[in-house]
Amino acid sequence: VDWEGLKAALLAMNRPDIILFEDSCDTMTYTECTDVSVISFYASHIITAGGCGGVVMFNDTKLRDRALMYRDWGRIGNNTEDMSERFGHEVDGISYDFKFLYGCIGYNFK
C-alpha cells in the first residue's frame, strides 16, 4: 500500500478527517503515514497471549486519548471516582477492580 500517496490524496480532496487504519495483525510493524496500527495476539500470530488481546498504536495523541476513553468496555472514565470504592472488592478471595472482573487470571479466558 502506498500510504504516503493515500495520505496525499486525502489532503488533496480536503479530507484530512479520514483516519487511516493499518492492519498489522499478522506482523509486528507500523507505518508512519497511518494514523492507527493494530497488532493481534491471537494464537496463530507472531506473539500470543493465550489467544486474547493485542496492541493498538497511534501516530496522533488526540486519537490515542480518545481510544483510551473507550478501552474499558465502552466506559468513558476520568479521575473523579472514589478509588476506595472501586478497588475494595473480592471474588473467591481475589482482590479486583469491581468494574473489570475479567482482569483476574482464570476469569478472562474463553
N, C-alpha and C. Protein backbone atom coordinates (compact mmCIF):
# COMPACT_ATOMS: atom_id res chain seq x y z
N VAL A 1 0.85 -1.18 0.00
CA VAL A 1 0.00 0.00 0.00
C VAL A 1 0.89 1.24 0.00
N ASP A 2 0.56 2.17 -0.85
CA ASP A 2 1.27 3.45 -0.89
C ASP A 2 0.60 4.40 0.10
N TRP A 3 0.97 4.28 1.38
CA TRP A 3 0.34 5.07 2.44
C TRP A 3 0.58 6.56 2.23
N GLU A 4 1.79 6.93 1.82
CA GLU A 4 2.09 8.35 1.61
C GLU A 4 1.22 8.92 0.49
N GLY A 5 1.06 8.16 -0.60
CA GLY A 5 0.21 8.59 -1.70
C GLY A 5 -1.24 8.71 -1.28
N LEU A 6 -1.70 7.76 -0.48
CA LEU A 6 -3.08 7.79 0.00
C LEU A 6 -3.31 8.99 0.90
N LYS A 7 -2.37 9.25 1.79
CA LYS A 7 -2.48 10.40 2.69
C LYS A 7 -2.50 11.70 1.87
N ALA A 8 -1.63 11.80 0.85
CA ALA A 8 -1.58 12.98 -0.01
C ALA A 8 -2.89 13.16 -0.77
N ALA A 9 -3.47 12.05 -1.25
CA ALA A 9 -4.75 12.11 -1.97
C ALA A 9 -5.87 12.61 -1.06
N LEU A 10 -5.88 12.15 0.18
CA LEU A 10 -6.90 12.60 1.13
C LEU A 10 -6.77 14.10 1.40
N LEU A 11 -5.54 14.57 1.52
CA LEU A 11 -5.32 16.01 1.73
C LEU A 11 -5.75 16.80 0.50
N ALA A 12 -5.46 16.28 -0.71
CA ALA A 12 -5.85 16.95 -1.95
C ALA A 12 -7.36 17.03 -2.09
N MET A 13 -8.07 16.02 -1.56
CA MET A 13 -9.54 16.01 -1.60
C MET A 13 -10.15 16.77 -0.43
N ASN A 14 -9.29 17.45 0.34
CA ASN A 14 -9.74 18.18 1.52
C ASN A 14 -10.45 17.26 2.52
N ARG A 15 -9.89 16.05 2.71
CA ARG A 15 -10.46 15.07 3.65
C ARG A 15 -9.41 14.61 4.67
N PRO A 16 -8.77 15.53 5.37
CA PRO A 16 -7.80 15.12 6.38
C PRO A 16 -8.45 14.46 7.59
N ASP A 17 -9.80 14.51 7.63
CA ASP A 17 -10.54 13.92 8.75
C ASP A 17 -10.64 12.39 8.65
N ILE A 18 -10.32 11.82 7.51
CA ILE A 18 -10.38 10.36 7.35
C ILE A 18 -9.17 9.74 8.04
N ILE A 19 -9.44 8.81 8.94
CA ILE A 19 -8.40 8.17 9.74
C ILE A 19 -7.93 6.91 9.02
N LEU A 20 -6.62 6.79 8.82
CA LEU A 20 -6.05 5.61 8.15
C LEU A 20 -5.67 4.56 9.18
N PHE A 21 -6.30 3.38 9.08
CA PHE A 21 -6.00 2.25 9.95
C PHE A 21 -5.14 1.25 9.20
N GLU A 22 -4.13 0.74 9.85
CA GLU A 22 -3.24 -0.26 9.26
C GLU A 22 -3.42 -1.58 10.00
N ASP A 23 -3.79 -2.62 9.27
CA ASP A 23 -3.95 -3.96 9.85
C ASP A 23 -2.60 -4.66 9.82
N SER A 24 -1.94 -4.68 10.96
CA SER A 24 -0.64 -5.36 11.09
C SER A 24 -0.78 -6.60 11.96
N CYS A 25 -1.97 -7.20 11.95
CA CYS A 25 -2.24 -8.30 12.88
C CYS A 25 -1.37 -9.53 12.63
N ASP A 26 -0.92 -9.75 11.43
CA ASP A 26 -0.06 -10.90 11.14
C ASP A 26 1.42 -10.52 11.15
N THR A 27 1.73 -9.30 11.52
CA THR A 27 3.12 -8.84 11.57
C THR A 27 3.31 -8.08 12.88
N MET A 28 4.41 -7.45 13.02
CA MET A 28 4.65 -6.57 14.17
C MET A 28 5.30 -5.30 13.65
N THR A 29 4.49 -4.43 13.08
CA THR A 29 5.05 -3.22 12.47
C THR A 29 4.01 -2.11 12.49
N TYR A 30 4.45 -0.95 12.10
CA TYR A 30 3.56 0.17 11.88
C TYR A 30 4.16 1.02 10.76
N THR A 31 3.33 1.87 10.19
CA THR A 31 3.78 2.78 9.14
C THR A 31 3.57 4.19 9.63
N GLU A 32 4.56 5.03 9.50
CA GLU A 32 4.46 6.40 10.00
C GLU A 32 3.35 7.20 9.32
N CYS A 33 2.94 6.80 8.13
CA CYS A 33 1.90 7.54 7.40
C CYS A 33 0.49 7.21 7.87
N THR A 34 0.31 6.07 8.53
CA THR A 34 -1.03 5.72 9.00
C THR A 34 -1.27 6.37 10.36
N ASP A 35 -2.55 6.52 10.69
CA ASP A 35 -2.91 7.13 11.97
C ASP A 35 -2.98 6.10 13.08
N VAL A 36 -3.44 4.89 12.74
CA VAL A 36 -3.63 3.83 13.72
C VAL A 36 -3.13 2.52 13.13
N SER A 37 -2.42 1.74 13.94
CA SER A 37 -1.97 0.41 13.52
C SER A 37 -2.33 -0.58 14.61
N VAL A 38 -2.79 -1.77 14.21
CA VAL A 38 -3.19 -2.78 15.20
C VAL A 38 -2.38 -4.06 15.02
N ILE A 39 -2.06 -4.70 16.14
CA ILE A 39 -1.37 -5.98 16.18
C ILE A 39 -2.21 -6.92 17.02
N SER A 40 -2.38 -8.15 16.56
CA SER A 40 -3.17 -9.15 17.28
C SER A 40 -2.26 -10.12 18.02
N PHE A 41 -2.71 -10.56 19.21
CA PHE A 41 -2.01 -11.59 19.97
C PHE A 41 -2.73 -12.93 19.86
N TYR A 42 -3.50 -13.12 18.78
CA TYR A 42 -4.20 -14.39 18.59
C TYR A 42 -3.18 -15.52 18.49
N ALA A 43 -3.61 -16.72 18.80
CA ALA A 43 -2.70 -17.87 18.92
C ALA A 43 -1.84 -18.12 17.69
N SER A 44 -2.34 -17.86 16.50
CA SER A 44 -1.58 -18.15 15.28
C SER A 44 -0.66 -17.01 14.84
N HIS A 45 -0.61 -15.93 15.59
CA HIS A 45 0.20 -14.78 15.20
C HIS A 45 1.59 -14.83 15.84
N ILE A 46 2.42 -13.85 15.51
CA ILE A 46 3.82 -13.85 15.92
C ILE A 46 3.98 -13.90 17.44
N ILE A 47 3.21 -13.11 18.17
CA ILE A 47 3.22 -13.13 19.63
C ILE A 47 1.82 -13.54 20.07
N THR A 48 1.72 -14.41 21.06
CA THR A 48 0.42 -14.82 21.56
C THR A 48 0.31 -14.54 23.05
N ALA A 49 -0.90 -14.33 23.49
CA ALA A 49 -1.18 -14.12 24.91
C ALA A 49 -2.40 -14.95 25.26
N GLY A 50 -2.29 -16.26 25.07
CA GLY A 50 -3.43 -17.13 25.35
C GLY A 50 -4.55 -16.97 24.35
N GLY A 51 -4.25 -16.41 23.19
CA GLY A 51 -5.26 -16.23 22.16
C GLY A 51 -6.09 -14.97 22.32
N CYS A 52 -5.73 -14.12 23.27
CA CYS A 52 -6.53 -12.91 23.53
C CYS A 52 -5.67 -11.66 23.48
N GLY A 53 -6.25 -10.57 23.10
CA GLY A 53 -5.60 -9.27 23.21
C GLY A 53 -4.85 -8.84 21.98
N GLY A 54 -4.18 -7.71 22.14
CA GLY A 54 -3.41 -7.13 21.05
C GLY A 54 -2.88 -5.78 21.43
N VAL A 55 -2.39 -5.06 20.43
CA VAL A 55 -1.82 -3.72 20.64
C VAL A 55 -2.43 -2.79 19.60
N VAL A 56 -2.72 -1.58 20.02
CA VAL A 56 -3.14 -0.53 19.10
C VAL A 56 -2.11 0.59 19.24
N MET A 57 -1.56 1.04 18.11
CA MET A 57 -0.54 2.10 18.13
C MET A 57 -1.08 3.31 17.38
N PHE A 58 -0.75 4.49 17.89
CA PHE A 58 -1.27 5.73 17.34
C PHE A 58 -0.13 6.67 16.97
N ASN A 59 -0.30 7.40 15.87
CA ASN A 59 0.61 8.47 15.48
C ASN A 59 0.04 9.83 15.83
N ASP A 60 -1.09 9.85 16.52
CA ASP A 60 -1.77 11.09 16.86
C ASP A 60 -2.23 10.99 18.31
N THR A 61 -1.76 11.88 19.16
CA THR A 61 -2.11 11.80 20.58
C THR A 61 -3.60 12.03 20.82
N LYS A 62 -4.27 12.81 19.97
CA LYS A 62 -5.71 13.02 20.14
C LYS A 62 -6.47 11.71 19.91
N LEU A 63 -6.08 10.95 18.89
CA LEU A 63 -6.72 9.66 18.64
C LEU A 63 -6.42 8.68 19.77
N ARG A 64 -5.17 8.69 20.25
CA ARG A 64 -4.80 7.82 21.37
C ARG A 64 -5.65 8.13 22.60
N ASP A 65 -5.77 9.40 22.94
CA ASP A 65 -6.54 9.78 24.12
C ASP A 65 -8.01 9.41 23.96
N ARG A 66 -8.54 9.56 22.75
CA ARG A 66 -9.93 9.18 22.50
C ARG A 66 -10.12 7.68 22.68
N ALA A 67 -9.17 6.89 22.18
CA ALA A 67 -9.26 5.43 22.32
C ALA A 67 -9.15 5.02 23.78
N LEU A 68 -8.30 5.68 24.54
CA LEU A 68 -8.17 5.35 25.96
C LEU A 68 -9.48 5.56 26.72
N MET A 69 -10.28 6.51 26.26
CA MET A 69 -11.57 6.75 26.92
C MET A 69 -12.52 5.58 26.71
N TYR A 70 -12.37 4.86 25.62
CA TYR A 70 -13.31 3.80 25.28
C TYR A 70 -12.79 2.39 25.53
N ARG A 71 -11.56 2.24 25.99
CA ARG A 71 -10.95 0.91 26.06
C ARG A 71 -11.62 -0.02 27.06
N ASP A 72 -12.26 0.49 28.06
CA ASP A 72 -12.82 -0.35 29.12
C ASP A 72 -14.30 -0.62 28.87
N TRP A 73 -14.58 -1.45 27.88
CA TRP A 73 -15.93 -1.87 27.53
C TRP A 73 -16.85 -0.68 27.30
N GLY A 74 -16.32 0.35 26.65
CA GLY A 74 -17.14 1.50 26.29
C GLY A 74 -17.32 2.52 27.38
N ARG A 75 -16.73 2.31 28.54
CA ARG A 75 -16.87 3.29 29.62
C ARG A 75 -15.93 4.46 29.38
N ILE A 76 -16.47 5.65 29.48
CA ILE A 76 -15.63 6.83 29.42
C ILE A 76 -15.34 7.20 30.86
N GLY A 77 -14.09 7.13 31.25
CA GLY A 77 -13.74 7.38 32.64
C GLY A 77 -12.95 8.65 32.82
N ASN A 78 -12.84 9.03 34.08
CA ASN A 78 -11.97 10.14 34.44
C ASN A 78 -11.43 9.86 35.83
N ASN A 79 -10.76 10.79 36.42
CA ASN A 79 -10.13 10.56 37.72
C ASN A 79 -10.98 11.04 38.89
N THR A 80 -12.28 11.22 38.70
CA THR A 80 -13.10 11.76 39.77
C THR A 80 -13.75 10.68 40.63
N GLU A 81 -13.63 9.41 40.26
CA GLU A 81 -14.29 8.38 41.05
C GLU A 81 -13.52 8.07 42.33
N ASP A 82 -14.21 7.52 43.32
CA ASP A 82 -13.62 7.18 44.61
C ASP A 82 -12.91 5.84 44.50
N MET A 83 -11.59 5.85 44.52
CA MET A 83 -10.80 4.63 44.34
C MET A 83 -10.99 3.63 45.48
N SER A 84 -11.31 4.11 46.69
CA SER A 84 -11.52 3.17 47.79
C SER A 84 -12.75 2.30 47.53
N GLU A 85 -13.74 2.85 46.84
CA GLU A 85 -14.92 2.07 46.45
C GLU A 85 -14.58 1.11 45.32
N ARG A 86 -13.84 1.59 44.37
CA ARG A 86 -13.57 0.82 43.17
C ARG A 86 -12.72 -0.42 43.44
N PHE A 87 -11.71 -0.31 44.28
CA PHE A 87 -10.77 -1.41 44.47
C PHE A 87 -11.01 -2.19 45.76
N GLY A 88 -12.13 -2.01 46.41
CA GLY A 88 -12.39 -2.69 47.68
C GLY A 88 -13.24 -3.94 47.55
N HIS A 89 -13.10 -4.71 46.49
CA HIS A 89 -13.95 -5.88 46.24
C HIS A 89 -13.12 -7.14 46.05
N GLU A 90 -13.72 -8.29 46.36
CA GLU A 90 -13.05 -9.58 46.18
C GLU A 90 -13.99 -10.57 45.52
N VAL A 91 -13.42 -11.49 44.75
CA VAL A 91 -14.14 -12.63 44.18
C VAL A 91 -13.31 -13.85 44.48
N ASP A 92 -13.89 -14.82 45.16
CA ASP A 92 -13.17 -16.04 45.54
C ASP A 92 -11.85 -15.72 46.24
N GLY A 93 -11.86 -14.68 47.08
CA GLY A 93 -10.67 -14.31 47.84
C GLY A 93 -9.64 -13.51 47.06
N ILE A 94 -9.94 -13.16 45.80
CA ILE A 94 -9.01 -12.40 44.97
C ILE A 94 -9.49 -10.95 44.90
N SER A 95 -8.63 -10.01 45.27
CA SER A 95 -8.98 -8.59 45.16
C SER A 95 -9.08 -8.22 43.68
N TYR A 96 -10.07 -7.41 43.36
CA TYR A 96 -10.18 -6.97 41.97
C TYR A 96 -10.90 -5.64 41.88
N ASP A 97 -10.71 -4.98 40.76
CA ASP A 97 -11.39 -3.74 40.42
C ASP A 97 -12.81 -4.14 40.04
N PHE A 98 -13.80 -3.65 40.77
CA PHE A 98 -15.16 -4.12 40.56
C PHE A 98 -15.69 -3.87 39.16
N LYS A 99 -15.09 -2.95 38.41
CA LYS A 99 -15.52 -2.71 37.03
C LYS A 99 -15.06 -3.80 36.08
N PHE A 100 -13.96 -4.47 36.43
CA PHE A 100 -13.30 -5.33 35.47
C PHE A 100 -13.05 -6.72 36.02
N LEU A 101 -14.10 -7.47 36.23
CA LEU A 101 -13.98 -8.84 36.74
C LEU A 101 -13.04 -9.66 35.87
N TYR A 102 -13.07 -9.42 34.57
CA TYR A 102 -12.29 -10.24 33.64
C TYR A 102 -10.80 -9.94 33.68
N GLY A 103 -10.37 -9.01 34.51
CA GLY A 103 -8.96 -8.71 34.65
C GLY A 103 -8.21 -9.77 35.44
N CYS A 104 -8.95 -10.62 36.20
CA CYS A 104 -8.30 -11.66 37.00
C CYS A 104 -8.01 -12.87 36.13
N ILE A 105 -6.82 -13.42 36.27
CA ILE A 105 -6.48 -14.64 35.53
C ILE A 105 -7.44 -15.73 35.96
N GLY A 106 -7.92 -16.47 35.01
CA GLY A 106 -8.88 -17.52 35.30
C GLY A 106 -10.31 -17.09 35.01
N TYR A 107 -10.55 -15.80 35.04
CA TYR A 107 -11.88 -15.30 34.71
C TYR A 107 -11.92 -14.76 33.28
N ASN A 108 -10.77 -14.59 32.66
CA ASN A 108 -10.71 -13.90 31.37
C ASN A 108 -10.63 -14.84 30.17
N PHE A 109 -10.31 -16.10 30.38
CA PHE A 109 -10.14 -16.99 29.23
C PHE A 109 -11.48 -17.51 28.73
N LYS A 110 -11.60 -17.65 27.41
CA LYS A 110 -12.85 -18.08 26.79
C LYS A 110 -13.04 -19.56 26.94
